[in-house]
Amino acid sequence: MKMPITLVVDDEPDIRELLEITLGRMNIQTRCAQDLRSARELLHSQSFDLCLTDMRLPDGDGLELVDYIQDEGLQLPVAVITAHGSMDIAIKAMKKGAFDFLTKPVDLVALRQLVSNALQISPHRPEGKERRTRNVLLGESDVMRDIRSKIQKVARNQAPIYISGESGSGKELVAKLIHQQSPRCDKPFVAINCGAIPHELMESEFFGHKKGSFSGAIADKQGFFQAAEGGTLFLDEVADLPLNLQVKLLRAIQEKKIRPVGEQHEIPVDVRLLSATHKELAKMVQEGCFRQDLYYRINVIELNLPPLRARADDIPQIAMHLLTRLAKVNGLPLPRLSEEAMSALKRYHFPGNVRELENILERALALHEGSCIEVSDLNLPLAAVEQATEANDLGEERVSLDTYLESVEKKVLIAALDQLGWNKTAAAQQLGMTIRSLGHRMKKLGLE
């Protein structure tokens, strides 16, 4: 089997020698460069499986090399080596596409773990067992296609991901997909609801404790970080963490070490951190309810999930997928949804998003009669039912309804654009759609 090759970029001979020896013991070949120019020449002349680069180089910095690798479409994972305490630089590198980072002095255990993880996503690695994705993120709208593309990209690196969106919009599903498509897919995925843990038990639950460290600690206990070792730790409703635990979590992220309650020494941990909340975390930072430094650490990359009402065209596909699964689980024949029922679902506001849609369909499946679910079986608010009935009764007048809906959409778009000085990127983000989708709608409505 061909030995992997790593490009090491550092102007200090001692560091290059240390990395060469360590990687050689892992049966990994190395090629060394002492500056950006020679690194670019090596990248141009041969293929590599991994790049390790120092941040400070004689003719530039590691960020320039990260940019070069991205711009050339080389696809190899690149990790940066930063000075101790330079977390801001490390975060900037990961935002640009770096796989991970190390701090000086280099911890050899952390180095070996990083290299092992990175080689699993190298484009030149031997084909191993196929990764099986058990979950699916449905929807063919532009915004959902964009999110699936982003999931595929962010799964390749180790940067902390912040998943925002309303309750029930699928944040945990996105976290599972990131894990399943990552090099950590065969390791644990540990999901925690931070709002469900009593505050007095949080430190023990997160970091574990030693026997006798407090009243009731009758045995050593692993925390969530140890349980997720090598895998992914998903902190749902991270906004509910108390401030004292936020400090300890920040240190665990920065140092990649934790201290169990009652333990004298810190222990290294290797986890990928994903977090989510339905609350406005940036607003909580402004109000002093959430630490700003922790916010920037967990929000290296943000994925915003749109509410279900913002992608109504996806509802038929999602509804039939959920209905099929519910019928199978309950051992019932699969009914169809009447045109009026589907129309009502597409017009409903869905404050509870996909989770609410699933509850509505589960109730309808239990209560309906015959082979078809009618709008009355959905038990929706009266306004949604009346809108659906009017739409089906219009017949030849449906064109006028479409015209009316277009005029409403046009007003909403104009209001958002006016508010943001016709900044399309900001308007698209506020409206929960991609810039491409916004441009398409503006063209359709004659707003260009």
Protein backbone atom coordinates (compact mmCIF):
# COMPACT_ATOMS: atom_id res chain seq x y z
CA MET A 1 0.00 0.00 0.00
CA LYS A 2 1.31 3.45 -0.93
CA MET A 3 2.57 5.49 2.02
CA PRO A 4 0.79 8.84 2.57
CA ILE A 5 2.83 12.00 1.95
CA THR A 6 2.65 15.13 4.12
CA LEU A 7 3.94 18.58 3.20
CA VAL A 8 5.56 20.24 6.25
CA VAL A 9 6.04 24.02 5.98
CA ASP A 10 8.08 25.67 8.75
CA ASP A 11 11.18 27.88 8.82
CA GLU A 12 12.49 26.32 12.06
CA PRO A 13 14.72 23.26 11.38
CA ASP A 14 14.01 21.78 14.85
CA ILE A 15 10.24 21.84 14.25
CA ARG A 16 10.63 20.31 10.78
CA GLU A 17 12.82 17.54 12.22
CA LEU A 18 10.35 16.84 15.06
CA LEU A 19 7.44 16.56 12.63
CA GLU A 20 9.48 14.39 10.22
CA ILE A 21 10.42 11.93 12.98
CA THR A 22 6.89 11.76 14.42
CA LEU A 23 5.25 11.24 11.02
CA GLY A 24 7.93 8.75 9.97
CA ARG A 25 7.03 6.57 12.98
CA MET A 26 3.44 6.64 11.66
CA ASN A 27 4.69 5.34 8.27
CA ILE A 28 4.03 8.72 6.65
CA GLN A 29 6.49 10.28 4.21
CA THR A 30 7.28 13.99 4.46
CA ARG A 31 8.46 16.73 2.14
CA CYS A 32 9.63 19.93 3.81
CA ALA A 33 9.54 23.58 2.79
CA GLN A 34 10.86 26.55 4.76
CA ASP A 35 8.79 29.29 3.11
CA LEU A 36 5.69 29.93 0.99
CA ARG A 37 7.54 29.99 -2.32
CA SER A 38 9.06 26.54 -1.94
CA ALA A 39 5.76 25.19 -0.54
CA ARG A 40 3.89 26.36 -3.66
CA GLU A 41 6.56 24.77 -5.87
CA LEU A 42 6.18 21.41 -4.10
CA LEU A 43 2.37 21.59 -4.27
CA HIS A 44 2.65 22.28 -8.00
CA SER A 45 5.06 19.40 -8.65
CA GLN A 46 3.41 16.51 -6.75
CA SER A 47 0.32 15.37 -4.85
CA PHE A 48 0.07 15.35 -1.07
CA ASP A 49 -2.32 13.79 1.44
CA LEU A 50 -1.91 16.46 4.13
CA CYS A 51 -0.26 19.84 4.68
CA LEU A 52 1.06 21.06 8.06
CA THR A 53 2.08 24.71 7.98
CA ASP A 54 3.40 27.18 10.53
CA MET A 55 1.57 30.51 10.66
CA ARG A 56 4.68 32.72 10.62
CA LEU A 57 6.87 32.21 7.56
CA PRO A 58 9.74 34.34 6.16
CA ASP A 59 7.79 35.43 3.06
CA GLY A 60 4.21 35.48 4.38
CA ASP A 61 1.95 33.46 6.66
CA GLY A 62 0.06 30.19 6.78
CA LEU A 63 -3.23 31.87 5.89
CA GLU A 64 -1.84 32.66 2.45
CA LEU A 65 -1.04 28.98 1.96
CA VAL A 66 -4.57 28.01 3.07
CA ASP A 67 -5.93 30.47 0.47
CA TYR A 68 -3.60 29.10 -2.22
CA ILE A 69 -4.68 25.49 -1.58
CA GLN A 70 -8.35 26.52 -1.70
CA ASP A 71 -7.92 28.65 -4.85
CA GLU A 72 -6.06 25.87 -6.67
CA GLY A 73 -8.81 23.37 -5.79
CA LEU A 74 -6.26 20.92 -4.36
CA GLN A 75 -8.76 19.46 -1.85
CA LEU A 76 -6.07 18.23 0.57
CA PRO A 77 -6.63 18.93 4.28
CA VAL A 78 -4.34 21.63 5.68
CA ALA A 79 -3.66 22.20 9.40
CA VAL A 80 -1.99 25.32 10.79
CA ILE A 81 0.49 25.51 13.67
CA THR A 82 0.02 28.67 15.75
CA ALA A 83 1.77 30.27 18.70
CA HIS A 84 0.26 29.52 22.12
CA GLY A 85 -2.72 31.78 22.78
CA SER A 86 -3.31 32.67 19.11
CA MET A 87 -6.83 31.24 18.97
CA ASP A 88 -8.11 34.16 16.87
CA ILE A 89 -5.63 33.27 14.12
CA ALA A 90 -6.56 29.58 14.32
CA ILE A 91 -10.24 30.44 14.01
CA LYS A 92 -9.55 32.70 11.03
CA ALA A 93 -7.67 29.84 9.36
CA MET A 94 -10.58 27.43 9.86
CA LYS A 95 -13.02 29.99 8.48
CA LYS A 96 -10.85 30.05 5.36
CA GLY A 97 -11.05 26.25 5.06
CA ALA A 98 -8.24 24.84 7.23
CA PHE A 99 -8.91 21.35 8.59
CA ASP A 100 -7.68 21.97 12.14
CA PHE A 101 -4.90 23.65 14.15
CA LEU A 102 -2.11 22.86 16.60
CA THR A 103 -0.46 25.19 19.11
CA LYS A 104 3.22 25.46 19.97
CA PRO A 105 4.85 23.73 21.70
CA VAL A 106 3.42 20.90 19.59
CA ASP A 107 1.71 18.17 21.62
CA LEU A 108 2.72 14.91 19.87
CA VAL A 109 -0.39 13.04 21.01
CA ALA A 110 -2.61 15.78 19.55
CA LEU A 111 -0.44 15.81 16.39
CA ARG A 112 -0.87 12.09 15.81
CA GLN A 113 -4.63 12.32 16.39
CA LEU A 114 -4.95 15.27 13.99
CA VAL A 115 -2.95 13.48 11.29
CA SER A 116 -5.01 10.29 11.64
CA ASN A 117 -8.26 12.24 11.30
CA ALA A 118 -6.99 14.27 8.34
CA LEU A 119 -5.78 11.24 6.37
CA GLN A 120 -9.28 9.78 6.48
CA ILE A 121 -10.56 12.61 4.27
CA SER A 122 -7.50 12.86 2.00
CA PRO A 123 -8.54 12.65 -1.67
CA HIS A 124 -5.70 10.17 -2.29
CA ARG A 125 -6.45 7.77 0.55
CA PRO A 126 -7.19 4.12 -0.30
CA GLU A 127 -10.89 3.40 -0.51
CA GLY A 128 -12.15 2.05 2.78
CA LYS A 129 -15.60 1.02 3.90
CA GLU A 130 -18.37 3.10 2.43
CA ARG A 131 -19.89 5.66 4.78
CA ARG A 132 -23.57 5.05 5.23
CA THR A 133 -25.72 8.11 5.80
CA ARG A 134 -28.78 7.00 7.71
CA ASN A 135 -30.48 10.40 7.78
CA VAL A 136 -31.69 12.61 4.94
CA LEU A 137 -32.35 16.33 4.69
CA LEU A 138 -35.28 16.67 2.31
CA GLY A 139 -36.22 19.57 0.07
CA GLU A 140 -35.30 20.70 -3.44
CA SER A 141 -35.60 24.45 -2.82
CA ASP A 142 -32.49 26.55 -3.49
CA VAL A 143 -31.89 27.14 0.20
CA MET A 144 -31.97 23.41 1.05
CA ARG A 145 -29.67 22.52 -1.85
CA ASP A 146 -27.28 25.16 -0.52
CA ILE A 147 -27.43 23.75 3.03
CA ARG A 148 -26.74 20.19 1.84
CA SER A 149 -23.73 21.50 -0.09
CA LYS A 150 -22.46 23.34 3.00
CA ILE A 151 -22.89 20.22 5.15
CA GLN A 152 -20.73 18.26 2.74
CA LYS A 153 -18.01 20.93 2.90
CA VAL A 154 -17.95 21.59 6.65
CA ALA A 155 -17.98 17.84 7.44
CA ARG A 156 -14.43 17.67 6.06
CA ASN A 157 -12.81 19.91 8.69
CA GLN A 158 -12.77 20.16 12.48
CA ALA A 159 -14.07 23.71 12.90
CA PRO A 160 -16.81 24.23 15.51
CA ILE A 161 -20.19 24.67 13.78
CA TYR A 162 -23.08 26.75 15.10
CA ILE A 163 -26.49 25.67 13.75
CA SER A 164 -29.18 28.31 14.14
CA GLY A 165 -32.88 28.12 13.38
CA GLU A 166 -36.33 27.92 14.93
CA SER A 167 -37.43 25.01 17.12
CA GLY A 168 -38.32 21.96 15.08
CA SER A 169 -36.46 23.07 11.94
CA GLY A 170 -34.06 20.10 11.97
CA LYS A 171 -30.92 21.31 13.78
CA GLU A 172 -30.08 17.94 15.34
CA LEU A 173 -30.63 16.22 11.98
CA VAL A 174 -28.07 18.58 10.41
CA ALA A 175 -25.62 17.83 13.24
CA LYS A 176 -26.01 14.08 12.65
CA LEU A 177 -25.43 14.53 8.92
CA ILE A 178 -22.23 16.51 9.56
CA HIS A 179 -21.02 13.71 11.84
CA GLN A 180 -21.98 10.92 9.41
CA GLN A 181 -20.16 12.59 6.51
CA SER A 182 -17.03 13.37 8.56
CA PRO A 183 -13.89 11.29 9.23
CA ARG A 184 -15.32 10.77 12.74
CA CYS A 185 -18.35 8.84 11.43
CA ASP A 186 -17.33 5.54 13.09
CA LYS A 187 -16.89 7.23 16.48
CA PRO A 188 -19.63 8.31 18.96
CA PHE A 189 -22.16 11.05 18.28
CA VAL A 190 -23.25 12.44 21.66
CA ALA A 191 -26.21 14.85 21.69
CA ILE A 192 -27.03 16.88 24.80
CA ASN A 193 -29.95 19.18 25.56
CA CYS A 194 -28.24 21.81 27.70
CA GLY A 195 -31.57 23.10 28.98
CA ALA A 196 -32.50 19.72 30.48
CA ILE A 197 -29.54 19.38 32.89
CA PRO A 198 -29.82 20.79 36.44
CA HIS A 199 -27.24 23.57 36.89
CA GLU A 200 -25.67 21.98 39.96
CA LEU A 201 -24.89 18.80 37.97
CA MET A 202 -23.64 20.42 34.78
CA GLU A 203 -19.90 20.39 35.48
CA SER A 204 -19.98 16.72 36.47
CA GLU A 205 -22.16 15.81 33.45
CA PHE A 206 -19.89 17.62 30.98
CA PHE A 207 -16.45 16.78 32.37
CA GLY A 208 -17.02 13.78 34.65
CA HIS A 209 -15.94 13.36 38.27
CA LYS A 210 -13.70 11.29 40.51
CA LYS A 211 -15.01 9.01 43.24
CA GLY A 212 -15.47 10.93 46.50
CA SER A 213 -15.14 14.36 44.89
CA PHE A 214 -18.52 15.38 46.35
CA SER A 215 -21.37 13.90 48.34
CA GLY A 216 -22.96 11.14 46.28
CA ALA A 217 -19.93 10.55 44.01
CA ILE A 218 -19.64 6.85 44.84
CA ALA A 219 -17.65 5.97 41.72
CA ASP A 220 -15.66 7.56 38.91
CA LYS A 221 -17.94 8.89 36.19
CA GLN A 222 -17.24 9.82 32.58
CA GLY A 223 -18.58 13.12 31.29
CA PHE A 224 -19.98 13.97 27.86
CA PHE A 225 -16.56 14.94 26.54
CA GLN A 226 -15.06 11.54 27.42
CA ALA A 227 -18.12 9.73 26.05
CA ALA A 228 -17.69 11.52 22.71
CA GLU A 229 -13.92 10.87 22.52
CA GLY A 230 -12.83 10.73 18.89
CA GLY A 231 -16.32 11.64 17.73
CA THR A 232 -18.76 14.54 17.78
CA LEU A 233 -20.33 16.38 20.72
CA PHE A 234 -23.58 18.20 19.88
CA LEU A 235 -24.71 20.85 22.37
CA ASP A 236 -28.37 21.58 21.66
CA GLU A 237 -29.85 24.73 23.25
CA VAL A 238 -26.35 25.93 24.09
CA ALA A 239 -27.84 29.30 25.04
CA ASP A 240 -29.12 27.69 28.27
CA LEU A 241 -25.61 27.10 29.66
CA PRO A 242 -24.92 29.07 32.86
CA LEU A 243 -22.08 31.60 32.71
CA ASN A 244 -19.80 29.65 35.10
CA LEU A 245 -19.91 26.59 32.83
CA GLN A 246 -19.39 28.73 29.74
CA VAL A 247 -15.93 29.63 31.12
CA LYS A 248 -14.98 25.97 31.52
CA LEU A 249 -16.37 25.08 28.10
CA LEU A 250 -14.33 27.86 26.52
CA ARG A 251 -11.13 26.45 28.05
CA ALA A 252 -11.99 22.93 26.90
CA ILE A 253 -12.39 24.19 23.32
CA GLN A 254 -9.20 26.27 23.35
CA GLU A 255 -6.88 23.84 25.13
CA LYS A 256 -8.56 20.59 23.98
CA LYS A 257 -8.28 19.45 27.60
CA ILE A 258 -10.75 19.01 30.46
CA ARG A 259 -10.49 18.57 34.23
CA PRO A 260 -13.00 16.17 35.83
CA VAL A 261 -14.41 17.28 39.19
CA GLY A 262 -11.96 16.16 41.88
CA GLU A 263 -9.13 15.47 39.42
CA GLN A 264 -5.78 17.23 39.94
CA HIS A 265 -4.65 17.17 36.32
CA GLU A 266 -6.23 18.02 32.99
CA ILE A 267 -6.75 15.24 30.47
CA PRO A 268 -6.64 15.67 26.66
CA VAL A 269 -9.86 15.18 24.69
CA ASP A 270 -10.48 14.87 20.98
CA VAL A 271 -14.02 15.88 20.01
CA ARG A 272 -15.66 17.86 17.20
CA LEU A 273 -17.99 20.43 18.73
CA LEU A 274 -21.34 21.31 17.16
CA SER A 275 -23.86 23.57 18.89
CA ALA A 276 -27.34 24.88 18.25
CA THR A 277 -30.12 26.98 19.71
CA HIS A 278 -33.41 28.52 18.61
CA LYS A 279 -32.56 31.71 20.55
CA GLU A 280 -30.78 34.76 19.11
CA LEU A 281 -27.33 34.12 20.51
CA ALA A 282 -25.84 37.36 19.13
CA LYS A 283 -28.54 39.32 20.96
CA MET A 284 -27.79 37.41 24.18
CA VAL A 285 -24.13 38.38 23.84
CA GLN A 286 -25.13 42.06 23.60
CA GLU A 287 -27.32 41.67 26.69
CA GLY A 288 -24.49 40.01 28.67
CA CYS A 289 -26.31 36.66 28.97
CA PHE A 290 -23.77 34.74 26.88
CA ARG A 291 -19.99 35.15 26.79
CA GLN A 292 -18.76 36.91 23.67
CA ASP A 293 -15.48 34.94 23.55
CA LEU A 294 -17.36 31.62 23.73
CA TYR A 295 -19.77 32.79 21.02
CA TYR A 296 -16.87 33.42 18.64
CA ARG A 297 -15.30 30.03 19.48
CA ILE A 298 -18.43 27.96 18.79
CA ASN A 299 -19.51 30.10 15.82
CA VAL A 300 -16.50 29.58 13.55
CA ILE A 301 -18.94 28.50 10.83
CA GLU A 302 -22.69 29.14 11.01
CA LEU A 303 -25.43 27.15 9.30
CA ASN A 304 -28.82 28.83 9.41
CA LEU A 305 -31.85 26.60 8.82
CA PRO A 306 -34.87 28.34 7.30
CA PRO A 307 -38.33 27.85 8.83
CA LEU A 308 -40.63 25.45 7.00
CA ARG A 309 -42.97 28.28 5.96
CA ALA A 310 -40.10 29.87 4.00
CA ARG A 311 -39.85 26.80 1.76
CA ALA A 312 -43.47 25.78 1.26
CA ASP A 313 -42.66 24.03 -2.04
CA ASP A 314 -40.70 21.43 -0.04
CA ILE A 315 -43.72 20.52 2.11
CA PRO A 316 -45.25 17.87 -0.23
CA GLN A 317 -41.99 15.89 -0.37
CA ILE A 318 -41.40 16.14 3.38
CA ALA A 319 -45.02 15.30 4.20
CA MET A 320 -45.04 12.14 2.07
CA HIS A 321 -41.69 11.03 3.51
CA LEU A 322 -42.97 11.47 7.07
CA LEU A 323 -46.32 9.86 6.29
CA THR A 324 -44.63 6.83 4.71
CA ARG A 325 -42.42 6.35 7.76
CA LEU A 326 -45.27 6.82 10.23
CA ALA A 327 -47.46 4.33 8.39
CA LYS A 328 -44.64 1.76 8.38
CA VAL A 329 -43.86 2.22 12.10
CA ASN A 330 -47.54 1.85 13.03
CA GLY A 331 -48.17 -1.06 10.66
CA LEU A 332 -50.86 0.85 8.75
CA PRO A 333 -51.55 1.12 5.00
CA LEU A 334 -50.17 4.31 3.45
CA PRO A 335 -53.00 6.80 2.79
CA ARG A 336 -52.80 9.64 0.28
CA LEU A 337 -53.23 13.32 1.07
CA SER A 338 -56.12 15.01 -0.71
CA GLU A 339 -55.37 18.05 -2.86
CA GLU A 340 -57.22 20.25 -0.39
CA ALA A 341 -55.24 18.81 2.56
CA MET A 342 -51.91 19.37 0.79
CA SER A 343 -52.97 22.91 -0.11
CA ALA A 344 -53.80 23.59 3.54
CA LEU A 345 -50.38 22.30 4.66
CA LYS A 346 -48.59 24.50 2.12
CA ARG A 347 -50.44 27.59 3.40
CA TYR A 348 -50.10 26.84 7.10
CA HIS A 349 -47.60 28.97 9.07
CA PHE A 350 -46.00 26.01 10.98
CA PRO A 351 -44.68 27.73 14.13
CA GLY A 352 -43.31 24.31 15.16
CA ASN A 353 -41.74 23.62 11.74
CA VAL A 354 -40.99 20.04 10.64
CA ARG A 355 -41.61 18.64 14.13
CA GLU A 356 -45.11 20.14 14.09
CA LEU A 357 -45.76 18.76 10.58
CA GLU A 358 -44.84 15.28 11.83
CA ASN A 359 -47.21 15.61 14.81
CA ILE A 360 -50.06 16.78 12.54
CA LEU A 361 -49.57 13.84 10.18
CA GLU A 362 -49.28 11.31 13.02
CA ARG A 363 -52.58 12.54 14.45
CA ALA A 364 -54.24 12.52 11.04
CA LEU A 365 -53.00 8.99 10.34
CA ALA A 366 -54.62 7.77 13.56
CA LEU A 367 -57.95 9.58 13.08
CA HIS A 368 -58.64 9.47 9.31
CA GLU A 369 -61.08 7.04 7.69
CA GLY A 370 -60.71 5.39 4.31
CA SER A 371 -57.66 5.66 2.05
CA CYS A 372 -57.35 9.45 1.95
CA ILE A 373 -56.46 12.09 4.54
CA GLU A 374 -58.77 15.08 4.14
CA VAL A 375 -58.19 18.62 5.36
CA SER A 376 -60.57 18.02 8.29
CA ASP A 377 -58.31 15.18 9.52
CA LEU A 378 -55.38 17.57 9.86
CA ASN A 379 -57.12 19.61 12.58
CA LEU A 380 -55.40 22.81 11.47
CA PRO A 381 -56.43 26.29 12.63
CA LEU A 382 -59.57 27.50 10.84
CA ALA A 383 -57.79 30.25 8.89
CA ALA A 384 -55.48 27.75 7.15
CA VAL A 385 -58.41 25.53 6.22
CA GLU A 386 -60.42 28.47 4.83
CA GLN A 387 -57.48 29.61 2.68
CA ALA A 388 -57.06 26.12 1.25
CA THR A 389 -60.78 25.79 0.53
CA GLU A 390 -60.89 29.18 -1.19
CA ALA A 391 -57.89 28.25 -3.33
CA ASN A 392 -59.55 25.04 -4.49
CA ASP A 393 -62.91 26.75 -5.07
CA LEU A 394 -61.44 29.54 -7.17
CA GLY A 395 -61.04 27.38 -10.27
CA GLU A 396 -60.77 29.86 -13.13
CA GLU A 397 -60.03 32.69 -10.67
CA ARG A 398 -56.80 31.07 -9.48
CA VAL A 399 -54.78 33.46 -11.63
CA SER A 400 -56.02 36.37 -9.54
CA LEU A 401 -54.91 34.60 -6.35
CA ASP A 402 -51.45 34.07 -7.82
CA THR A 403 -51.33 37.75 -8.74
CA TYR A 404 -52.32 38.71 -5.21
CA LEU A 405 -49.66 36.45 -3.67
CA GLU A 406 -47.02 37.89 -6.01
CA SER A 407 -47.95 41.41 -4.95
CA VAL A 408 -47.56 40.44 -1.28
CA GLU A 409 -44.18 38.84 -2.00
CA LYS A 410 -43.09 41.93 -3.91
CA LYS A 411 -43.96 44.19 -0.97
CA VAL A 412 -42.02 41.97 1.45
CA LEU A 413 -38.94 41.96 -0.77
CA ILE A 414 -39.04 45.73 -1.33
CA ALA A 415 -39.44 46.38 2.41
CA ALA A 416 -36.43 44.17 3.25
CA LEU A 417 -34.27 45.69 0.51
CA ASP A 418 -35.20 49.25 1.48
CA GLN A 419 -34.40 48.54 5.12
CA LEU A 420 -30.94 47.19 4.21
CA GLY A 421 -30.05 49.76 1.55
CA TRP A 422 -30.68 47.25 -1.25
CA ASN A 423 -27.87 45.02 0.00
CA LYS A 424 -28.94 41.76 -1.63
CA THR A 425 -26.68 39.54 0.48
CA ALA A 426 -28.01 40.95 3.76
CA ALA A 427 -31.61 40.85 2.49
CA ALA A 428 -31.30 37.22 1.42
CA GLN A 429 -29.95 36.29 4.85
CA GLN A 430 -32.77 38.16 6.62
CA LEU A 431 -35.41 36.50 4.44
CA GLY A 432 -33.93 33.02 4.91
CA MET A 433 -33.04 32.37 1.27
CA THR A 434 -29.94 32.15 -0.89
CA ILE A 435 -28.68 35.14 -2.86
CA ARG A 436 -29.36 33.15 -6.03
CA SER A 437 -32.98 32.53 -5.02
CA LEU A 438 -33.44 36.22 -4.15
CA GLY A 439 -32.06 37.26 -7.54
CA HIS A 440 -34.42 34.84 -9.30
CA ARG A 441 -37.45 36.22 -7.44
CA MET A 442 -36.43 39.83 -8.03
CA LYS A 443 -36.14 39.11 -11.73
CA LYS A 444 -39.52 37.35 -11.75
CA LEU A 445 -41.19 40.26 -9.97
CA GLY A 446 -39.49 42.93 -12.08
CA LEU A 447 -37.41 44.39 -9.24
CA GLU A 448 -34.01 44.36 -10.95
